[in-house]
Amino acid sequence: MGLKEDLITDLDDVFFNTDEFAEVVDIDGVEVEAIISNSLRKDSKKYQKFMENNYSAEEKTYTIKSSDFEALNEYDPGDRIVIDDELYRVYKITKDAGVTHIEVKIYD
């Protein structure tokens, strides 16, 4: 087995295992396994610029397997998105090594 196959196996068996790191979330009606983290440090320039735009301070990053929710390709920064019955605004979407990171801010 090569490195690429090992990474895919680790994504399934370790990182997106709900007994370890991930939890099931509902994104616009689709249940996916996600790793949830805070995305902005309060002392960062990015955070300060964000706050200048009068958004709420609550932000999160949801990391999911890209193959689990391909509809995320249709979202753009500024779009509204509902995650676990909470309305957010998409801040940024990035893809890397088979995972998609979607940074969201609570929608006021």
PDB file of N, CA and C in Angstrom:
ATOM      1  N   MET A   1       0.860  -1.182   0.000  1.00  0.00           N
ATOM      2  CA  MET A   1       0.000   0.000   0.000  1.00  0.00           C
ATOM      3  C   MET A   1       0.899   1.235   0.000  1.00  0.00           C
ATOM      4  N   GLY A   2       0.557   2.229  -0.834  1.00  0.00           N
ATOM      5  CA  GLY A   2       1.342   3.447  -0.929  1.00  0.00           C
ATOM      6  C   GLY A   2       0.882   4.511   0.054  1.00  0.00           C
ATOM      7  N   LEU A   3       1.601   5.622   0.073  1.00  0.00           N
ATOM      8  CA  LEU A   3       1.297   6.718   0.991  1.00  0.00           C
ATOM      9  C   LEU A   3      -0.113   7.259   0.781  1.00  0.00           C
ATOM     10  N   LYS A   4      -0.506   7.441  -0.473  1.00  0.00           N
ATOM     11  CA  LYS A   4      -1.839   7.971  -0.768  1.00  0.00           C
ATOM     12  C   LYS A   4      -2.929   7.068  -0.200  1.00  0.00           C
ATOM     13  N   GLU A   5      -2.787   5.778  -0.372  1.00  0.00           N
ATOM     14  CA  GLU A   5      -3.771   4.835   0.175  1.00  0.00           C
ATOM     15  C   GLU A   5      -3.765   4.856   1.703  1.00  0.00           C
ATOM     16  N   ASP A   6      -2.558   4.987   2.297  1.00  0.00           N
ATOM     17  CA  ASP A   6      -2.459   5.079   3.761  1.00  0.00           C
ATOM     18  C   ASP A   6      -3.199   6.309   4.285  1.00  0.00           C
ATOM     19  N   LEU A   7      -3.049   7.441   3.586  1.00  0.00           N
ATOM     20  CA  LEU A   7      -3.726   8.670   4.012  1.00  0.00           C
ATOM     21  C   LEU A   7      -5.240   8.525   3.953  1.00  0.00           C
ATOM     22  N   ILE A   8      -5.730   7.924   2.887  1.00  0.00           N
ATOM     23  CA  ILE A   8      -7.174   7.717   2.747  1.00  0.00           C
ATOM     24  C   ILE A   8      -7.688   6.800   3.857  1.00  0.00           C
ATOM     25  N   THR A   9      -6.942   5.738   4.145  1.00  0.00           N
ATOM     26  CA  THR A   9      -7.323   4.829   5.230  1.00  0.00           C
ATOM     27  C   THR A   9      -7.331   5.556   6.565  1.00  0.00           C
ATOM     28  N   ASP A  10      -6.306   6.396   6.817  1.00  0.00           N
ATOM     29  CA  ASP A  10      -6.259   7.164   8.068  1.00  0.00           C
ATOM     30  C   ASP A  10      -7.426   8.128   8.179  1.00  0.00           C
ATOM     31  N   LEU A  11      -7.817   8.760   7.072  1.00  0.00           N
ATOM     32  CA  LEU A  11      -8.972   9.666   7.108  1.00  0.00           C
ATOM     33  C   LEU A  11     -10.205   8.926   7.593  1.00  0.00           C
ATOM     34  N   ASP A  12     -10.440   7.734   7.033  1.00  0.00           N
ATOM     35  CA  ASP A  12     -11.624   6.969   7.385  1.00  0.00           C
ATOM     36  C   ASP A  12     -11.544   6.360   8.781  1.00  0.00           C
ATOM     37  N   ASP A  13     -10.410   5.768   9.107  1.00  0.00           N
ATOM     38  CA  ASP A  13     -10.296   4.982  10.331  1.00  0.00           C
ATOM     39  C   ASP A  13      -9.943   5.796  11.568  1.00  0.00           C
ATOM     40  N   VAL A  14      -9.298   6.938  11.385  1.00  0.00           N
ATOM     41  CA  VAL A  14      -8.825   7.693  12.542  1.00  0.00           C
ATOM     42  C   VAL A  14      -9.510   9.055  12.646  1.00  0.00           C
ATOM     43  N   PHE A  15      -9.245   9.919  11.679  1.00  0.00           N
ATOM     44  CA  PHE A  15      -9.686  11.304  11.814  1.00  0.00           C
ATOM     45  C   PHE A  15     -11.195  11.475  11.749  1.00  0.00           C
ATOM     46  N   PHE A  16     -11.859  10.768  10.846  1.00  0.00           N
ATOM     47  CA  PHE A  16     -13.305  10.915  10.725  1.00  0.00           C
ATOM     48  C   PHE A  16     -14.054   9.807  11.440  1.00  0.00           C
ATOM     49  N   ASN A  17     -13.428   9.237  12.429  1.00  0.00           N
ATOM     50  CA  ASN A  17     -14.034   8.223  13.288  1.00  0.00           C
ATOM     51  C   ASN A  17     -14.744   8.962  14.422  1.00  0.00           C
ATOM     52  N   THR A  18     -16.044   8.786  14.537  1.00  0.00           N
ATOM     53  CA  THR A  18     -16.799   9.525  15.552  1.00  0.00           C
ATOM     54  C   THR A  18     -16.458   9.088  16.974  1.00  0.00           C
ATOM     55  N   ASP A  19     -15.754   7.974  17.127  1.00  0.00           N
ATOM     56  CA  ASP A  19     -15.285   7.578  18.450  1.00  0.00           C
ATOM     57  C   ASP A  19     -13.986   8.299  18.817  1.00  0.00           C
ATOM     58  N   GLU A  20     -13.340   8.936  17.857  1.00  0.00           N
ATOM     59  CA  GLU A  20     -12.064   9.604  18.096  1.00  0.00           C
ATOM     60  C   GLU A  20     -12.205  11.119  17.998  1.00  0.00           C
ATOM     61  N   PHE A  21     -12.180  11.662  16.781  1.00  0.00           N
ATOM     62  CA  PHE A  21     -12.143  13.113  16.584  1.00  0.00           C
ATOM     63  C   PHE A  21     -13.429  13.708  16.045  1.00  0.00           C
ATOM     64  N   ALA A  22     -14.107  13.000  15.180  1.00  0.00           N
ATOM     65  CA  ALA A  22     -15.223  13.581  14.432  1.00  0.00           C
ATOM     66  C   ALA A  22     -16.549  13.463  15.165  1.00  0.00           C
ATOM     67  N   GLU A  23     -17.493  14.261  14.706  1.00  0.00           N
ATOM     68  CA  GLU A  23     -18.872  14.124  15.162  1.00  0.00           C
ATOM     69  C   GLU A  23     -19.788  14.336  13.968  1.00  0.00           C
ATOM     70  N   VAL A  24     -20.973  13.804  14.052  1.00  0.00           N
ATOM     71  CA  VAL A  24     -21.934  13.935  12.959  1.00  0.00           C
ATOM     72  C   VAL A  24     -22.606  15.297  13.061  1.00  0.00           C
ATOM     73  N   VAL A  25     -22.603  16.031  11.941  1.00  0.00           N
ATOM     74  CA  VAL A  25     -23.272  17.329  11.878  1.00  0.00           C
ATOM     75  C   VAL A  25     -24.209  17.337  10.675  1.00  0.00           C
ATOM     76  N   ASP A  26     -25.185  18.204  10.738  1.00  0.00           N
ATOM     77  CA  ASP A  26     -26.142  18.374   9.654  1.00  0.00           C
ATOM     78  C   ASP A  26     -25.821  19.684   8.943  1.00  0.00           C
ATOM     79  N   ILE A  27     -25.392  19.582   7.677  1.00  0.00           N
ATOM     80  CA  ILE A  27     -25.079  20.770   6.878  1.00  0.00           C
ATOM     81  C   ILE A  27     -26.136  20.890   5.796  1.00  0.00           C
ATOM     82  N   ASP A  28     -26.996  21.880   5.948  1.00  0.00           N
ATOM     83  CA  ASP A  28     -28.080  22.106   4.983  1.00  0.00           C
ATOM     84  C   ASP A  28     -28.817  20.818   4.640  1.00  0.00           C
ATOM     85  N   GLY A  29     -29.128  20.025   5.674  1.00  0.00           N
ATOM     86  CA  GLY A  29     -29.924  18.821   5.490  1.00  0.00           C
ATOM     87  C   GLY A  29     -29.146  17.563   5.158  1.00  0.00           C
ATOM     88  N   VAL A  30     -27.813  17.657   5.083  1.00  0.00           N
ATOM     89  CA  VAL A  30     -26.985  16.490   4.790  1.00  0.00           C
ATOM     90  C   VAL A  30     -26.149  16.160   6.024  1.00  0.00           C
ATOM     91  N   GLU A  31     -26.277  14.926   6.540  1.00  0.00           N
ATOM     92  CA  GLU A  31     -25.482  14.520   7.694  1.00  0.00           C
ATOM     93  C   GLU A  31     -24.121  14.025   7.233  1.00  0.00           C
ATOM     94  N   VAL A  32     -23.065  14.609   7.814  1.00  0.00           N
ATOM     95  CA  VAL A  32     -21.686  14.225   7.500  1.00  0.00           C
ATOM     96  C   VAL A  32     -20.885  14.163   8.792  1.00  0.00           C
ATOM     97  N   GLU A  33     -19.787  13.418   8.739  1.00  0.00           N
ATOM     98  CA  GLU A  33     -18.854  13.393   9.861  1.00  0.00           C
ATOM     99  C   GLU A  33     -17.892  14.557   9.681  1.00  0.00           C
ATOM    100  N   ALA A  34     -17.697  15.333  10.736  1.00  0.00           N
ATOM    101  CA  ALA A  34     -16.858  16.525  10.646  1.00  0.00           C
ATOM    102  C   ALA A  34     -15.999  16.665  11.888  1.00  0.00           C
ATOM    103  N   ILE A  35     -14.856  17.270  11.697  1.00  0.00           N
ATOM    104  CA  ILE A  35     -14.006  17.686  12.809  1.00  0.00           C
ATOM    105  C   ILE A  35     -14.247  19.184  12.957  1.00  0.00           C
ATOM    106  N   ILE A  36     -14.594  19.615  14.162  1.00  0.00           N
ATOM    107  CA  ILE A  36     -14.970  21.007  14.395  1.00  0.00           C
ATOM    108  C   ILE A  36     -13.891  21.687  15.228  1.00  0.00           C
ATOM    109  N   SER A  37     -13.498  22.889  14.788  1.00  0.00           N
ATOM    110  CA  SER A  37     -12.513  23.656  15.540  1.00  0.00           C
ATOM    111  C   SER A  37     -12.813  25.138  15.394  1.00  0.00           C
ATOM    112  N   ASN A  38     -12.230  25.931  16.283  1.00  0.00           N
ATOM    113  CA  ASN A  38     -12.319  27.380  16.147  1.00  0.00           C
ATOM    114  C   ASN A  38     -11.311  27.800  15.101  1.00  0.00           C
ATOM    115  N   SER A  39     -11.670  28.757  14.263  1.00  0.00           N
ATOM    116  CA  SER A  39     -10.817  29.068  13.122  1.00  0.00           C
ATOM    117  C   SER A  39     -10.002  30.345  13.250  1.00  0.00           C
ATOM    118  N   LEU A  40     -10.376  31.257  14.107  1.00  0.00           N
ATOM    119  CA  LEU A  40      -9.645  32.513  14.203  1.00  0.00           C
ATOM    120  C   LEU A  40      -9.145  32.759  15.622  1.00  0.00           C
ATOM    121  N   ARG A  41      -7.902  33.192  15.720  1.00  0.00           N
ATOM    122  CA  ARG A  41      -7.377  33.610  17.019  1.00  0.00           C
ATOM    123  C   ARG A  41      -7.740  35.075  17.210  1.00  0.00           C
ATOM    124  N   LYS A  42      -8.129  35.428  18.409  1.00  0.00           N
ATOM    125  CA  LYS A  42      -8.610  36.781  18.655  1.00  0.00           C
ATOM    126  C   LYS A  42      -7.534  37.849  18.444  1.00  0.00           C
ATOM    127  N   ASP A  43      -6.261  37.484  18.480  1.00  0.00           N
ATOM    128  CA  ASP A  43      -5.205  38.467  18.276  1.00  0.00           C
ATOM    129  C   ASP A  43      -4.740  38.550  16.822  1.00  0.00           C
ATOM    130  N   SER A  44      -5.388  37.823  15.925  1.00  0.00           N
ATOM    131  CA  SER A  44      -4.956  37.821  14.527  1.00  0.00           C
ATOM    132  C   SER A  44      -5.524  39.015  13.761  1.00  0.00           C
ATOM    133  N   LYS A  45      -4.815  39.436  12.727  1.00  0.00           N
ATOM    134  CA  LYS A  45      -5.306  40.520  11.871  1.00  0.00           C
ATOM    135  C   LYS A  45      -6.584  40.110  11.161  1.00  0.00           C
ATOM    136  N   LYS A  46      -6.670  38.842  10.807  1.00  0.00           N
ATOM    137  CA  LYS A  46      -7.859  38.328  10.135  1.00  0.00           C
ATOM    138  C   LYS A  46      -9.088  38.494  11.035  1.00  0.00           C
ATOM    139  N   TYR A  47      -8.936  38.182  12.314  1.00  0.00           N
ATOM    140  CA  TYR A  47     -10.035  38.320  13.273  1.00  0.00           C
ATOM    141  C   TYR A  47     -10.427  39.787  13.408  1.00  0.00           C
ATOM    142  N   GLN A  48      -9.425  40.661  13.530  1.00  0.00           N
ATOM    143  CA  GLN A  48      -9.713  42.084  13.708  1.00  0.00           C
ATOM    144  C   GLN A  48     -10.452  42.650  12.495  1.00  0.00           C
ATOM    145  N   LYS A  49     -10.022  42.260  11.288  1.00  0.00           N
ATOM    146  CA  LYS A  49     -10.709  42.725  10.083  1.00  0.00           C
ATOM    147  C   LYS A  49     -12.137  42.198  10.047  1.00  0.00           C
ATOM    148  N   PHE A  50     -12.296  40.951  10.440  1.00  0.00           N
ATOM    149  CA  PHE A  50     -13.619  40.349  10.480  1.00  0.00           C
ATOM    150  C   PHE A  50     -14.537  41.129  11.434  1.00  0.00           C
ATOM    151  N   MET A  51     -14.033  41.475  12.618  1.00  0.00           N
ATOM    152  CA  MET A  51     -14.830  42.200  13.603  1.00  0.00           C
ATOM    153  C   MET A  51     -15.161  43.614  13.121  1.00  0.00           C
ATOM    154  N   GLU A  52     -14.272  44.220  12.336  1.00  0.00           N
ATOM    155  CA  GLU A  52     -14.544  45.550  11.795  1.00  0.00           C
ATOM    156  C   GLU A  52     -15.751  45.536  10.863  1.00  0.00           C
ATOM    157  N   ASN A  53     -16.042  44.390  10.293  1.00  0.00           N
ATOM    158  CA  ASN A  53     -17.191  44.258   9.396  1.00  0.00           C
ATOM    159  C   ASN A  53     -18.479  43.951  10.158  1.00  0.00           C
ATOM    160  N   ASN A  54     -18.456  44.086  11.477  1.00  0.00           N
ATOM    161  CA  ASN A  54     -19.624  43.939  12.344  1.00  0.00           C
ATOM    162  C   ASN A  54     -20.234  42.543  12.355  1.00  0.00           C
ATOM    163  N   TYR A  55     -19.406  41.531  12.215  1.00  0.00           N
ATOM    164  CA  TYR A  55     -19.886  40.173  12.344  1.00  0.00           C
ATOM    165  C   TYR A  55     -19.738  39.726  13.782  1.00  0.00           C
ATOM    166  N   SER A  56     -20.439  38.679  14.131  1.00  0.00           N
ATOM    167  CA  SER A  56     -20.309  38.098  15.457  1.00  0.00           C
ATOM    168  C   SER A  56     -18.932  37.469  15.603  1.00  0.00           C
ATOM    169  N   ALA A  57     -18.467  37.365  16.837  1.00  0.00           N
ATOM    170  CA  ALA A  57     -17.154  36.785  17.097  1.00  0.00           C
ATOM    171  C   ALA A  57     -17.164  35.268  17.003  1.00  0.00           C
ATOM    172  N   GLU A  58     -18.319  34.643  16.936  1.00  0.00           N
ATOM    173  CA  GLU A  58     -18.342  33.183  16.926  1.00  0.00           C
ATOM    174  C   GLU A  58     -18.043  32.646  15.534  1.00  0.00           C
ATOM    175  N   GLU A  59     -16.983  31.871  15.449  1.00  0.00           N
ATOM    176  CA  GLU A  59     -16.580  31.281  14.187  1.00  0.00           C
ATOM    177  C   GLU A  59     -16.117  29.850  14.421  1.00  0.00           C
ATOM    178  N   LYS A  60     -16.243  29.048  13.386  1.00  0.00           N
ATOM    179  CA  LYS A  60     -15.847  27.656  13.472  1.00  0.00           C
ATOM    180  C   LYS A  60     -15.312  27.201  12.134  1.00  0.00           C
ATOM    181  N   THR A  61     -14.504  26.151  12.165  1.00  0.00           N
ATOM    182  CA  THR A  61     -14.081  25.477  10.947  1.00  0.00           C
ATOM    183  C   THR A  61     -14.582  24.051  11.019  1.00  0.00           C
ATOM    184  N   TYR A  62     -15.271  23.630   9.973  1.00  0.00           N
ATOM    185  CA  TYR A  62     -15.741  22.256   9.850  1.00  0.00           C
ATOM    186  C   TYR A  62     -14.873  21.585   8.796  1.00  0.00           C
ATOM    187  N   THR A  63     -14.208  20.514   9.166  1.00  0.00           N
ATOM    188  CA  THR A  63     -13.376  19.762   8.248  1.00  0.00           C
ATOM    189  C   THR A  63     -14.080  18.446   7.958  1.00  0.00           C
ATOM    190  N   ILE A  64     -14.338  18.211   6.672  1.00  0.00           N
ATOM    191  CA  ILE A  64     -15.044  16.997   6.276  1.00  0.00           C
ATOM    192  C   ILE A  64     -14.305  16.347   5.106  1.00  0.00           C
ATOM    193  N   LYS A  65     -14.582  15.069   4.882  1.00  0.00           N
ATOM    194  CA  LYS A  65     -14.034  14.413   3.702  1.00  0.00           C
ATOM    195  C   LYS A  65     -14.721  15.017   2.478  1.00  0.00           C
ATOM    196  N   SER A  66     -13.940  15.425   1.515  1.00  0.00           N
ATOM    197  CA  SER A  66     -14.503  16.054   0.314  1.00  0.00           C
ATOM    198  C   SER A  66     -15.522  15.151  -0.366  1.00  0.00           C
ATOM    199  N   SER A  67     -15.281  13.862  -0.348  1.00  0.00           N
ATOM    200  CA  SER A  67     -16.182  12.922  -1.017  1.00  0.00           C
ATOM    201  C   SER A  67     -17.522  12.768  -0.296  1.00  0.00           C
ATOM    202  N   ASP A  68     -17.602  13.168   0.979  1.00  0.00           N
ATOM    203  CA  ASP A  68     -18.841  13.023   1.738  1.00  0.00           C
ATOM    204  C   ASP A  68     -19.879  14.085   1.401  1.00  0.00           C
ATOM    205  N   PHE A  69     -19.440  15.231   0.930  1.00  0.00           N
ATOM    206  CA  PHE A  69     -20.386  16.315   0.688  1.00  0.00           C
ATOM    207  C   PHE A  69     -19.897  17.182  -0.459  1.00  0.00           C
ATOM    208  N   GLU A  70     -20.031  16.667  -1.656  1.00  0.00           N
ATOM    209  CA  GLU A  70     -19.547  17.371  -2.831  1.00  0.00           C
ATOM    210  C   GLU A  70     -20.322  18.658  -3.103  1.00  0.00           C
ATOM    211  N   ALA A  71     -21.496  18.808  -2.500  1.00  0.00           N
ATOM    212  CA  ALA A  71     -22.289  20.026  -2.700  1.00  0.00           C
ATOM    213  C   ALA A  71     -21.599  21.261  -2.132  1.00  0.00           C
ATOM    214  N   LEU A  72     -20.587  21.069  -1.265  1.00  0.00           N
ATOM    215  CA  LEU A  72     -19.859  22.231  -0.748  1.00  0.00           C
ATOM    216  C   LEU A  72     -19.175  22.995  -1.873  1.00  0.00           C
ATOM    217  N   ASN A  73     -18.955  22.352  -3.008  1.00  0.00           N
ATOM    218  CA  ASN A  73     -18.359  23.038  -4.151  1.00  0.00           C
ATOM    219  C   ASN A  73     -19.241  24.181  -4.636  1.00  0.00           C
ATOM    220  N   GLU A  74     -20.518  24.136  -4.298  1.00  0.00           N
ATOM    221  CA  GLU A  74     -21.464  25.150  -4.772  1.00  0.00           C
ATOM    222  C   GLU A  74     -21.522  26.376  -3.868  1.00  0.00           C
ATOM    223  N   TYR A  75     -20.854  26.333  -2.718  1.00  0.00           N
ATOM    224  CA  TYR A  75     -20.877  27.464  -1.790  1.00  0.00           C
ATOM    225  C   TYR A  75     -19.734  28.417  -2.091  1.00  0.00           C
ATOM    226  N   ASP A  76     -19.995  29.704  -1.889  1.00  0.00           N
ATOM    227  CA  ASP A  76     -18.990  30.740  -2.064  1.00  0.00           C
ATOM    228  C   ASP A  76     -18.933  31.581  -0.799  1.00  0.00           C
ATOM    229  N   PRO A  77     -17.806  32.256  -0.552  1.00  0.00           N
ATOM    230  CA  PRO A  77     -17.746  33.158   0.602  1.00  0.00           C
ATOM    231  C   PRO A  77     -18.899  34.153   0.567  1.00  0.00           C
ATOM    232  N   GLY A  78     -19.523  34.322   1.713  1.00  0.00           N
ATOM    233  CA  GLY A  78     -20.676  35.212   1.835  1.00  0.00           C
ATOM    234  C   GLY A  78     -22.004  34.492   1.798  1.00  0.00           C
ATOM    235  N   ASP A  79     -22.025  33.255   1.291  1.00  0.00           N
ATOM    236  CA  ASP A  79     -23.270  32.487   1.242  1.00  0.00           C
ATOM    237  C   ASP A  79     -23.737  32.115   2.650  1.00  0.00           C
ATOM    238  N   ARG A  80     -25.033  31.964   2.797  1.00  0.00           N
ATOM    239  CA  ARG A  80     -25.607  31.461   4.045  1.00  0.00           C
ATOM    240  C   ARG A  80     -25.556  29.943   4.027  1.00  0.00           C
ATOM    241  N   ILE A  81     -25.362  29.374   5.227  1.00  0.00           N
ATOM    242  CA  ILE A  81     -25.341  27.918   5.360  1.00  0.00           C
ATOM    243  C   ILE A  81     -25.881  27.571   6.748  1.00  0.00           C
ATOM    244  N   VAL A  82     -26.678  26.531   6.832  1.00  0.00           N
ATOM    245  CA  VAL A  82     -27.241  26.097   8.108  1.00  0.00           C
ATOM    246  C   VAL A  82     -26.499  24.830   8.557  1.00  0.00           C
ATOM    247  N   ILE A  83     -25.914  24.909   9.734  1.00  0.00           N
ATOM    248  CA  ILE A  83     -25.203  23.768  10.305  1.00  0.00           C
ATOM    249  C   ILE A  83     -25.794  23.502  11.681  1.00  0.00           C
ATOM    250  N   ASP A  84     -26.316  22.295  11.857  1.00  0.00           N
ATOM    251  CA  ASP A  84     -26.962  21.910  13.114  1.00  0.00           C
ATOM    252  C   ASP A  84     -27.956  22.963  13.592  1.00  0.00           C
ATOM    253  N   ASP A  85     -28.811  23.387  12.678  1.00  0.00           N
ATOM    254  CA  ASP A  85     -29.898  24.341  12.946  1.00  0.00           C
ATOM    255  C   ASP A  85     -29.417  25.739  13.338  1.00  0.00           C
ATOM    256  N   GLU A  86     -28.152  26.054  13.083  1.00  0.00           N
ATOM    257  CA  GLU A  86     -27.606  27.390  13.360  1.00  0.00           C
ATOM    258  C   GLU A  86     -27.245  28.028  12.012  1.00  0.00           C
ATOM    259  N   LEU A  87     -27.658  29.274  11.813  1.00  0.00           N
ATOM    260  CA  LEU A  87     -27.391  29.963  10.554  1.00  0.00           C
ATOM    261  C   LEU A  87     -26.011  30.610  10.603  1.00  0.00           C
ATOM    262  N   TYR A  88     -25.182  30.295   9.592  1.00  0.00           N
ATOM    263  CA  TYR A  88     -23.833  30.839   9.477  1.00  0.00           C
ATOM    264  C   TYR A  88     -23.665  31.500   8.119  1.00  0.00           C
ATOM    265  N   ARG A  89     -22.594  32.276   8.008  1.00  0.00           N
ATOM    266  CA  ARG A  89     -22.164  32.815   6.730  1.00  0.00           C
ATOM    267  C   ARG A  89     -20.833  32.143   6.396  1.00  0.00           C
ATOM    268  N   VAL A  90     -20.689  31.669   5.153  1.00  0.00           N
ATOM    269  CA  VAL A  90     -19.444  31.046   4.715  1.00  0.00           C
ATOM    270  C   VAL A  90     -18.372  32.129   4.619  1.00  0.00           C
ATOM    271  N   TYR A  91     -17.252  31.872   5.265  1.00  0.00           N
ATOM    272  CA  TYR A  91     -16.138  32.814   5.212  1.00  0.00           C
ATOM    273  C   TYR A  91     -15.094  32.359   4.197  1.00  0.00           C
ATOM    274  N   LYS A  92     -14.776  31.069   4.220  1.00  0.00           N
ATOM    275  CA  LYS A  92     -13.734  30.555   3.341  1.00  0.00           C
ATOM    276  C   LYS A  92     -13.879  29.052   3.204  1.00  0.00           C
ATOM    277  N   ILE A  93     -13.610  28.529   2.010  1.00  0.00           N
ATOM    278  CA  ILE A  93     -13.599  27.088   1.777  1.00  0.00           C
ATOM    279  C   ILE A  93     -12.268  26.739   1.126  1.00  0.00           C
ATOM    280  N   THR A  94     -11.565  25.765   1.731  1.00  0.00           N
ATOM    281  CA  THR A  94     -10.309  25.295   1.152  1.00  0.00           C
ATOM    282  C   THR A  94     -10.326  23.776   1.089  1.00  0.00           C
ATOM    283  N   LYS A  95      -9.581  23.257   0.125  1.00  0.00           N
ATOM    284  CA  LYS A  95      -9.488  21.808  -0.039  1.00  0.00           C
ATOM    285  C   LYS A  95      -8.031  21.403   0.021  1.00  0.00           C
ATOM    286  N   ASP A  96      -7.790  20.253   0.665  1.00  0.00           N
ATOM    287  CA  ASP A  96      -6.423  19.783   0.797  1.00  0.00           C
ATOM    288  C   ASP A  96      -6.419  18.293   1.099  1.00  0.00           C
ATOM    289  N   ALA A  97      -5.767  17.512   0.281  1.00  0.00           N
ATOM    290  CA  ALA A  97      -5.542  16.079   0.521  1.00  0.00           C
ATOM    291  C   ALA A  97      -6.824  15.309   0.835  1.00  0.00           C
ATOM    292  N   GLY A  98      -7.884  15.573   0.068  1.00  0.00           N
ATOM    293  CA  GLY A  98      -9.116  14.805   0.232  1.00  0.00           C
ATOM    294  C   GLY A  98     -10.061  15.315   1.295  1.00  0.00           C
ATOM    295  N   VAL A  99      -9.732  16.451   1.910  1.00  0.00           N
ATOM    296  CA  VAL A  99     -10.632  17.035   2.899  1.00  0.00           C
ATOM    297  C   VAL A  99     -10.985  18.464   2.489  1.00  0.00           C
ATOM    298  N   THR A 100     -12.155  18.897   2.927  1.00  0.00           N
ATOM    299  CA  THR A 100     -12.616  20.260   2.695  1.00  0.00           C
ATOM    300  C   THR A 100     -12.757  20.941   4.043  1.00  0.00           C
ATOM    301  N   HIS A 101     -12.182  22.141   4.148  1.00  0.00           N
ATOM    302  CA  HIS A 101     -12.302  22.960   5.353  1.00  0.00           C
ATOM    303  C   HIS A 101     -13.248  24.101   5.023  1.00  0.00           C
ATOM    304  N   ILE A 102     -14.333  24.209   5.777  1.00  0.00           N
ATOM    305  CA  ILE A 102     -15.263  25.308   5.556  1.00  0.00           C
ATOM    306  C   ILE A 102     -15.280  26.163   6.817  1.00  0.00           C
ATOM    307  N   GLU A 103     -14.802  27.394   6.665  1.00  0.00           N
ATOM    308  CA  GLU A 103     -14.782  28.343   7.771  1.00  0.00           C
ATOM    309  C   GLU A 103     -16.082  29.128   7.728  1.00  0.00           C
ATOM    310  N   VAL A 104     -16.773  29.181   8.856  1.00  0.00           N
ATOM    311  CA  VAL A 104     -18.052  29.877   8.929  1.00  0.00           C
ATOM    312  C   VAL A 104     -18.074  30.822  10.117  1.00  0.00           C
ATOM    313  N   LYS A 105     -18.916  31.822  10.005  1.00  0.00           N
ATOM    314  CA  LYS A 105     -19.137  32.799  11.087  1.00  0.00           C
ATOM    315  C   LYS A 105     -20.622  32.821  11.357  1.00  0.00           C
ATOM    316  N   ILE A 106     -20.992  32.960  12.606  1.00  0.00           N
ATOM    317  CA  ILE A 106     -22.407  32.991  12.947  1.00  0.00           C
ATOM    318  C   ILE A 106     -23.064  34.170  12.237  1.00  0.00           C
ATOM    319  N   TYR A 107     -24.236  33.951  11.714  1.00  0.00           N
ATOM    320  CA  TYR A 107     -24.925  34.959  10.911  1.00  0.00           C
ATOM    321  C   TYR A 107     -25.781  35.821  11.822  1.00  0.00           C
ATOM    322  N   ASP A 108     -25.547  37.126  11.769  1.00  0.00           N
ATOM    323  CA  ASP A 108     -26.345  38.063  12.574  1.00  0.00           C
ATOM    324  C   ASP A 108     -27.427  38.689  11.747  1.00  0.00           C
TER     325      ASP A 108
END
